[in-house]
Amino acid sequence: MAVARIKESWLFVVAQAENGSALVAMASVNIAVINKIAIGFFIFFLFIYSIRHVDIKHPR
């Protein structure tokens, strides 16, 4: 968690120095969307894997 916070604050400083706060807002939104997609994909993968695992263990 500490490393991620350091990276976020460093990106924030760099983006403000280069292009101002609009870029920071866009970047934070993009990071949030990417995180949600990644978490959703991970949960979906676990769901599919568990279904297949159960089917293999207990064939109907």
Protein backbone atom coordinates (compact mmCIF):
# COMPACT_ATOMS: atom_id res chain seq x y z
CA MET A 1 0.00 0.00 0.00
CA ALA A 2 2.80 2.44 0.86
CA VAL A 3 4.54 1.87 -2.46
CA ALA A 4 1.31 2.44 -4.39
CA ARG A 5 0.65 5.69 -2.49
CA ILE A 6 4.19 6.89 -3.21
CA LYS A 7 3.76 6.08 -6.91
CA GLU A 8 0.39 7.87 -7.04
CA SER A 9 1.73 11.01 -5.36
CA TRP A 10 4.80 11.00 -7.64
CA LEU A 11 2.59 10.68 -10.74
CA PHE A 12 0.41 13.49 -9.38
CA VAL A 13 3.40 15.81 -8.97
CA VAL A 14 4.80 14.99 -12.41
CA ALA A 15 1.44 15.47 -14.13
CA GLN A 16 0.81 18.80 -12.39
CA ALA A 17 4.26 20.03 -13.31
CA GLU A 18 3.74 19.09 -16.97
CA ASN A 19 0.10 19.73 -17.86
CA GLY A 20 -1.86 20.93 -14.82
CA SER A 21 -4.63 19.38 -12.78
CA ALA A 22 -6.88 18.32 -15.70
CA LEU A 23 -4.47 15.53 -16.62
CA VAL A 24 -4.36 14.41 -12.99
CA ALA A 25 -8.15 14.14 -12.89
CA MET A 26 -8.17 12.09 -16.11
CA ALA A 27 -5.38 9.82 -14.86
CA SER A 28 -7.11 9.16 -11.53
CA VAL A 29 -10.37 8.30 -13.32
CA ASN A 30 -8.52 5.97 -15.71
CA ILE A 31 -6.73 4.25 -12.81
CA ALA A 32 -10.04 3.72 -10.98
CA VAL A 33 -11.69 2.27 -14.10
CA ILE A 34 -8.74 -0.03 -14.78
CA ASN A 35 -8.79 -1.24 -11.16
CA LYS A 36 -12.52 -2.00 -11.36
CA ILE A 37 -12.09 -3.88 -14.65
CA ALA A 38 -9.18 -5.89 -13.25
CA ILE A 39 -11.07 -6.81 -10.07
CA GLY A 40 -14.17 -7.75 -12.07
CA PHE A 41 -12.14 -9.91 -14.46
CA PHE A 42 -10.40 -11.62 -11.53
CA ILE A 43 -13.72 -12.41 -9.81
CA PHE A 44 -15.18 -13.63 -13.13
CA PHE A 45 -12.15 -15.88 -13.69
CA LEU A 46 -12.44 -17.34 -10.18
CA PHE A 47 -16.18 -17.92 -10.74
CA ILE A 48 -15.63 -19.78 -14.03
CA TYR A 49 -12.73 -21.75 -12.55
CA SER A 50 -14.78 -22.83 -9.52
CA ILE A 51 -17.70 -23.93 -11.75
CA ARG A 52 -15.38 -26.00 -13.95
CA HIS A 53 -13.64 -27.44 -10.89
CA VAL A 54 -16.97 -28.56 -9.39
CA ASP A 55 -18.09 -30.04 -12.73
CA ILE A 56 -14.85 -32.02 -13.02
CA LYS A 57 -15.10 -33.28 -9.43
CA HIS A 58 -18.81 -34.19 -9.61
CA PRO A 59 -19.84 -35.07 -13.17
CA ARG A 60 -23.58 -35.27 -13.74
